[in-house]
Amino acid sequence: QRKMRGWLQYYSIGKLTDFIQRLDKWLRARIRQYIWKQWKKLKTKVTNLQKLGLSQRDAYVFASTRKGYWRTAHSKTLSYSLTNRKLEQLGLMNMSKTLQSIQSD
């Protein structure tokens, strides 16, 4: 996080807003993909999706998808259950918000 913040402070002089937003969106999707890939077994996926607020039936239906990891990471169900706020709680820095706070100072 320290390096990311320093990088943002160094390059905040230019117009990076669009690039940072696209990078932030891609990075969040990549983290969701990584988390989904970590939950290898169906039972683990169902259990963790239930912890994130899905019903048992919905969690089972979504966990048994045959779609690839990257496509699943972009699905609405995973985006709504693994929200940006939850990713921030796990330690992912929101670069768009950080850049806005740096530019407003």
N, C-alpha and C. Protein backbone atom coordinates (compact mmCIF):
# COMPACT_ATOMS: atom_id res chain seq x y z
N GLN A 1 0.82 -1.20 0.00
CA GLN A 1 0.00 0.00 0.00
C GLN A 1 0.86 1.25 0.00
N ARG A 2 1.98 1.20 0.70
CA ARG A 2 2.86 2.37 0.75
C ARG A 2 3.40 2.69 -0.64
N LYS A 3 3.80 1.66 -1.38
CA LYS A 3 4.34 1.88 -2.72
C LYS A 3 3.26 2.40 -3.67
N MET A 4 2.05 1.85 -3.55
CA MET A 4 0.95 2.32 -4.41
C MET A 4 0.63 3.78 -4.14
N ARG A 5 0.59 4.14 -2.88
CA ARG A 5 0.29 5.53 -2.52
C ARG A 5 1.40 6.46 -3.03
N GLY A 6 2.64 6.05 -2.88
CA GLY A 6 3.75 6.85 -3.39
C GLY A 6 3.70 7.00 -4.90
N TRP A 7 3.35 5.92 -5.58
CA TRP A 7 3.23 5.95 -7.03
C TRP A 7 2.12 6.91 -7.44
N LEU A 8 1.00 6.87 -6.72
CA LEU A 8 -0.11 7.78 -7.03
C LEU A 8 0.28 9.23 -6.76
N GLN A 9 1.01 9.49 -5.69
CA GLN A 9 1.43 10.86 -5.39
C GLN A 9 2.40 11.37 -6.45
N TYR A 10 3.29 10.52 -6.91
CA TYR A 10 4.27 10.93 -7.91
C TYR A 10 3.59 11.26 -9.24
N TYR A 11 2.65 10.42 -9.66
CA TYR A 11 2.02 10.61 -10.96
C TYR A 11 0.72 11.40 -10.91
N SER A 12 0.32 11.89 -9.75
CA SER A 12 -0.95 12.62 -9.66
C SER A 12 -0.90 13.98 -10.33
N ILE A 13 0.28 14.41 -10.72
CA ILE A 13 0.42 15.69 -11.39
C ILE A 13 -0.30 15.67 -12.74
N GLY A 14 -0.19 14.56 -13.46
CA GLY A 14 -0.83 14.43 -14.76
C GLY A 14 -2.29 14.03 -14.64
N LYS A 15 -2.88 13.81 -15.79
CA LYS A 15 -4.28 13.40 -15.84
C LYS A 15 -4.36 11.87 -15.87
N LEU A 16 -4.39 11.28 -14.71
CA LEU A 16 -4.41 9.83 -14.60
C LEU A 16 -5.76 9.27 -14.20
N THR A 17 -6.73 10.10 -14.03
CA THR A 17 -7.99 9.67 -13.44
C THR A 17 -8.61 8.51 -14.21
N ASP A 18 -8.70 8.61 -15.53
CA ASP A 18 -9.32 7.56 -16.33
C ASP A 18 -8.51 6.27 -16.26
N PHE A 19 -7.20 6.39 -16.39
CA PHE A 19 -6.34 5.21 -16.32
C PHE A 19 -6.44 4.52 -14.96
N ILE A 20 -6.44 5.30 -13.89
CA ILE A 20 -6.50 4.73 -12.54
C ILE A 20 -7.85 4.04 -12.32
N GLN A 21 -8.93 4.62 -12.82
CA GLN A 21 -10.25 3.99 -12.66
C GLN A 21 -10.30 2.65 -13.39
N ARG A 22 -9.75 2.61 -14.62
CA ARG A 22 -9.74 1.35 -15.36
C ARG A 22 -8.84 0.32 -14.68
N LEU A 23 -7.69 0.77 -14.18
CA LEU A 23 -6.77 -0.13 -13.48
C LEU A 23 -7.39 -0.65 -12.19
N ASP A 24 -8.07 0.22 -11.48
CA ASP A 24 -8.73 -0.15 -10.23
C ASP A 24 -9.83 -1.19 -10.48
N LYS A 25 -10.61 -0.98 -11.53
CA LYS A 25 -11.68 -1.92 -11.88
C LYS A 25 -11.09 -3.28 -12.26
N TRP A 26 -10.03 -3.29 -13.06
CA TRP A 26 -9.39 -4.53 -13.46
C TRP A 26 -8.79 -5.25 -12.26
N LEU A 27 -8.16 -4.50 -11.37
CA LEU A 27 -7.52 -5.09 -10.20
C LEU A 27 -8.55 -5.73 -9.26
N ARG A 28 -9.68 -5.07 -9.07
CA ARG A 28 -10.73 -5.66 -8.23
C ARG A 28 -11.27 -6.95 -8.85
N ALA A 29 -11.44 -6.96 -10.17
CA ALA A 29 -11.90 -8.19 -10.84
C ALA A 29 -10.86 -9.30 -10.71
N ARG A 30 -9.60 -8.93 -10.80
CA ARG A 30 -8.52 -9.93 -10.67
C ARG A 30 -8.48 -10.51 -9.26
N ILE A 31 -8.71 -9.67 -8.26
CA ILE A 31 -8.73 -10.15 -6.87
C ILE A 31 -9.94 -11.07 -6.67
N ARG A 32 -11.09 -10.70 -7.25
CA ARG A 32 -12.27 -11.58 -7.15
C ARG A 32 -11.99 -12.92 -7.81
N GLN A 33 -11.30 -12.90 -8.95
CA GLN A 33 -10.95 -14.14 -9.63
C GLN A 33 -10.02 -14.98 -8.76
N TYR A 34 -9.06 -14.36 -8.14
CA TYR A 34 -8.12 -15.07 -7.28
C TYR A 34 -8.84 -15.71 -6.09
N ILE A 35 -9.75 -14.96 -5.48
CA ILE A 35 -10.51 -15.49 -4.34
C ILE A 35 -11.37 -16.66 -4.79
N TRP A 36 -12.04 -16.52 -5.94
CA TRP A 36 -12.89 -17.60 -6.45
C TRP A 36 -12.05 -18.84 -6.75
N LYS A 37 -10.86 -18.63 -7.27
CA LYS A 37 -9.97 -19.75 -7.59
C LYS A 37 -9.47 -20.44 -6.32
N GLN A 38 -9.31 -19.68 -5.24
CA GLN A 38 -8.88 -20.26 -3.97
C GLN A 38 -9.94 -21.19 -3.39
N TRP A 39 -11.20 -20.87 -3.62
CA TRP A 39 -12.28 -21.71 -3.12
C TRP A 39 -12.48 -22.87 -4.10
N LYS A 40 -11.58 -23.82 -4.13
CA LYS A 40 -11.56 -24.83 -5.18
C LYS A 40 -12.79 -25.74 -5.20
N LYS A 41 -13.20 -26.20 -4.05
CA LYS A 41 -14.28 -27.19 -4.00
C LYS A 41 -15.65 -26.53 -3.93
N LEU A 42 -16.63 -27.27 -4.42
CA LEU A 42 -18.01 -26.78 -4.43
C LEU A 42 -18.49 -26.44 -3.03
N LYS A 43 -18.18 -27.30 -2.08
CA LYS A 43 -18.62 -27.09 -0.70
C LYS A 43 -18.03 -25.80 -0.13
N THR A 44 -16.76 -25.54 -0.43
CA THR A 44 -16.11 -24.32 0.04
C THR A 44 -16.75 -23.08 -0.58
N LYS A 45 -17.05 -23.16 -1.87
CA LYS A 45 -17.69 -22.03 -2.55
C LYS A 45 -19.06 -21.74 -1.95
N VAL A 46 -19.85 -22.79 -1.74
CA VAL A 46 -21.19 -22.62 -1.18
C VAL A 46 -21.11 -22.01 0.22
N THR A 47 -20.22 -22.55 1.05
CA THR A 47 -20.07 -22.05 2.42
C THR A 47 -19.67 -20.58 2.44
N ASN A 48 -18.69 -20.22 1.63
CA ASN A 48 -18.21 -18.83 1.63
C ASN A 48 -19.23 -17.88 1.02
N LEU A 49 -19.96 -18.32 0.01
CA LEU A 49 -21.01 -17.47 -0.55
C LEU A 49 -22.14 -17.26 0.45
N GLN A 50 -22.44 -18.27 1.25
CA GLN A 50 -23.45 -18.10 2.29
C GLN A 50 -22.96 -17.12 3.35
N LYS A 51 -21.68 -17.15 3.66
CA LYS A 51 -21.12 -16.19 4.62
C LYS A 51 -21.23 -14.77 4.08
N LEU A 52 -21.19 -14.64 2.75
CA LEU A 52 -21.29 -13.32 2.13
C LEU A 52 -22.74 -12.86 1.94
N GLY A 53 -23.70 -13.70 2.33
CA GLY A 53 -25.09 -13.25 2.32
C GLY A 53 -26.02 -13.93 1.35
N LEU A 54 -25.57 -14.89 0.57
CA LEU A 54 -26.46 -15.58 -0.36
C LEU A 54 -27.20 -16.70 0.38
N SER A 55 -28.39 -17.02 -0.11
CA SER A 55 -29.13 -18.15 0.47
C SER A 55 -28.43 -19.44 0.05
N GLN A 56 -28.78 -20.53 0.72
CA GLN A 56 -28.11 -21.80 0.43
C GLN A 56 -28.39 -22.24 -1.01
N ARG A 57 -29.61 -22.08 -1.45
CA ARG A 57 -29.97 -22.48 -2.81
C ARG A 57 -29.24 -21.64 -3.85
N ASP A 58 -29.27 -20.31 -3.67
CA ASP A 58 -28.59 -19.42 -4.61
C ASP A 58 -27.09 -19.67 -4.62
N ALA A 59 -26.53 -19.90 -3.45
CA ALA A 59 -25.09 -20.15 -3.35
C ALA A 59 -24.73 -21.44 -4.08
N TYR A 60 -25.56 -22.47 -3.94
CA TYR A 60 -25.29 -23.74 -4.61
C TYR A 60 -25.40 -23.60 -6.13
N VAL A 61 -26.43 -22.89 -6.58
CA VAL A 61 -26.62 -22.70 -8.02
C VAL A 61 -25.44 -21.92 -8.61
N PHE A 62 -25.02 -20.87 -7.93
CA PHE A 62 -23.92 -20.06 -8.46
C PHE A 62 -22.59 -20.79 -8.36
N ALA A 63 -22.37 -21.53 -7.28
CA ALA A 63 -21.10 -22.22 -7.07
C ALA A 63 -20.90 -23.36 -8.06
N SER A 64 -21.98 -23.91 -8.58
CA SER A 64 -21.84 -25.04 -9.50
C SER A 64 -21.77 -24.58 -10.96
N THR A 65 -21.41 -23.34 -11.19
CA THR A 65 -21.27 -22.83 -12.55
C THR A 65 -20.09 -23.49 -13.26
N ARG A 66 -20.19 -23.59 -14.56
CA ARG A 66 -19.10 -24.16 -15.34
C ARG A 66 -18.29 -23.07 -16.04
N LYS A 67 -18.62 -21.85 -15.76
CA LYS A 67 -17.91 -20.74 -16.40
C LYS A 67 -16.50 -20.65 -15.85
N GLY A 68 -15.63 -20.06 -16.61
CA GLY A 68 -14.24 -19.92 -16.18
C GLY A 68 -14.09 -18.91 -15.06
N TYR A 69 -12.90 -18.88 -14.47
CA TYR A 69 -12.65 -18.01 -13.33
C TYR A 69 -12.81 -16.54 -13.69
N TRP A 70 -12.28 -16.13 -14.83
CA TRP A 70 -12.32 -14.72 -15.20
C TRP A 70 -13.76 -14.27 -15.48
N ARG A 71 -14.52 -15.12 -16.15
CA ARG A 71 -15.92 -14.77 -16.43
C ARG A 71 -16.74 -14.74 -15.15
N THR A 72 -16.47 -15.66 -14.24
CA THR A 72 -17.17 -15.68 -12.96
C THR A 72 -16.83 -14.45 -12.14
N ALA A 73 -15.59 -13.98 -12.23
CA ALA A 73 -15.17 -12.80 -11.48
C ALA A 73 -15.94 -11.56 -11.92
N HIS A 74 -16.40 -11.54 -13.17
CA HIS A 74 -17.16 -10.40 -13.68
C HIS A 74 -18.67 -10.56 -13.51
N SER A 75 -19.11 -11.65 -12.93
CA SER A 75 -20.55 -11.87 -12.77
C SER A 75 -21.13 -10.93 -11.72
N LYS A 76 -22.40 -10.63 -11.88
CA LYS A 76 -23.06 -9.72 -10.94
C LYS A 76 -23.16 -10.34 -9.55
N THR A 77 -23.38 -11.64 -9.49
CA THR A 77 -23.54 -12.30 -8.19
C THR A 77 -22.27 -12.17 -7.36
N LEU A 78 -21.13 -12.43 -7.96
CA LEU A 78 -19.87 -12.33 -7.22
C LEU A 78 -19.53 -10.87 -6.92
N SER A 79 -19.86 -9.96 -7.83
CA SER A 79 -19.60 -8.54 -7.58
C SER A 79 -20.47 -8.00 -6.45
N TYR A 80 -21.71 -8.50 -6.35
CA TYR A 80 -22.60 -8.05 -5.27
C TYR A 80 -22.25 -8.69 -3.93
N SER A 81 -21.72 -9.91 -3.97
CA SER A 81 -21.37 -10.56 -2.71
C SER A 81 -19.98 -10.16 -2.24
N LEU A 82 -19.02 -10.07 -3.13
CA LEU A 82 -17.68 -9.58 -2.78
C LEU A 82 -17.59 -8.12 -3.21
N THR A 83 -18.19 -7.25 -2.45
CA THR A 83 -18.27 -5.83 -2.81
C THR A 83 -16.92 -5.14 -2.66
N ASN A 84 -16.85 -3.93 -3.18
CA ASN A 84 -15.62 -3.15 -3.06
C ASN A 84 -15.29 -2.88 -1.60
N ARG A 85 -16.31 -2.66 -0.80
CA ARG A 85 -16.10 -2.42 0.64
C ARG A 85 -15.46 -3.64 1.31
N LYS A 86 -15.94 -4.83 0.96
CA LYS A 86 -15.37 -6.05 1.54
C LYS A 86 -13.94 -6.26 1.07
N LEU A 87 -13.66 -5.90 -0.18
CA LEU A 87 -12.29 -6.01 -0.67
C LEU A 87 -11.37 -5.02 0.06
N GLU A 88 -11.89 -3.84 0.36
CA GLU A 88 -11.11 -2.87 1.13
C GLU A 88 -10.87 -3.38 2.55
N GLN A 89 -11.85 -4.05 3.13
CA GLN A 89 -11.67 -4.63 4.47
C GLN A 89 -10.61 -5.73 4.45
N LEU A 90 -10.47 -6.41 3.31
CA LEU A 90 -9.44 -7.43 3.18
C LEU A 90 -8.06 -6.83 2.94
N GLY A 91 -8.00 -5.52 2.68
CA GLY A 91 -6.71 -4.85 2.53
C GLY A 91 -6.43 -4.27 1.16
N LEU A 92 -7.35 -4.38 0.21
CA LEU A 92 -7.14 -3.81 -1.11
C LEU A 92 -7.37 -2.31 -1.07
N MET A 93 -6.41 -1.56 -1.56
CA MET A 93 -6.51 -0.11 -1.55
C MET A 93 -7.33 0.36 -2.75
N ASN A 94 -8.27 1.26 -2.53
CA ASN A 94 -9.05 1.85 -3.61
C ASN A 94 -8.25 3.01 -4.18
N MET A 95 -7.61 2.78 -5.33
CA MET A 95 -6.71 3.78 -5.90
C MET A 95 -7.44 5.01 -6.38
N SER A 96 -8.68 4.86 -6.86
CA SER A 96 -9.45 6.01 -7.34
C SER A 96 -9.72 7.00 -6.22
N LYS A 97 -10.15 6.48 -5.06
CA LYS A 97 -10.41 7.36 -3.91
C LYS A 97 -9.12 7.98 -3.40
N THR A 98 -8.05 7.21 -3.39
CA THR A 98 -6.76 7.73 -2.92
C THR A 98 -6.27 8.84 -3.83
N LEU A 99 -6.40 8.66 -5.14
CA LEU A 99 -5.98 9.69 -6.09
C LEU A 99 -6.81 10.95 -5.92
N GLN A 100 -8.12 10.80 -5.70
CA GLN A 100 -8.97 11.98 -5.48
C GLN A 100 -8.55 12.73 -4.23
N SER A 101 -8.23 12.01 -3.17
CA SER A 101 -7.82 12.69 -1.93
C SER A 101 -6.46 13.37 -2.11
N ILE A 102 -5.57 12.79 -2.89
CA ILE A 102 -4.26 13.40 -3.14
C ILE A 102 -4.44 14.66 -3.98
N GLN A 103 -5.28 14.60 -5.02
CA GLN A 103 -5.46 15.75 -5.89
C GLN A 103 -6.23 16.87 -5.21
N SER A 104 -7.05 16.56 -4.22
CA SER A 104 -7.80 17.61 -3.54
C SER A 104 -6.94 18.34 -2.50
N ASP A 105 -5.84 17.73 -2.08
CA ASP A 105 -4.95 18.38 -1.08
C ASP A 105 -4.16 19.51 -1.64
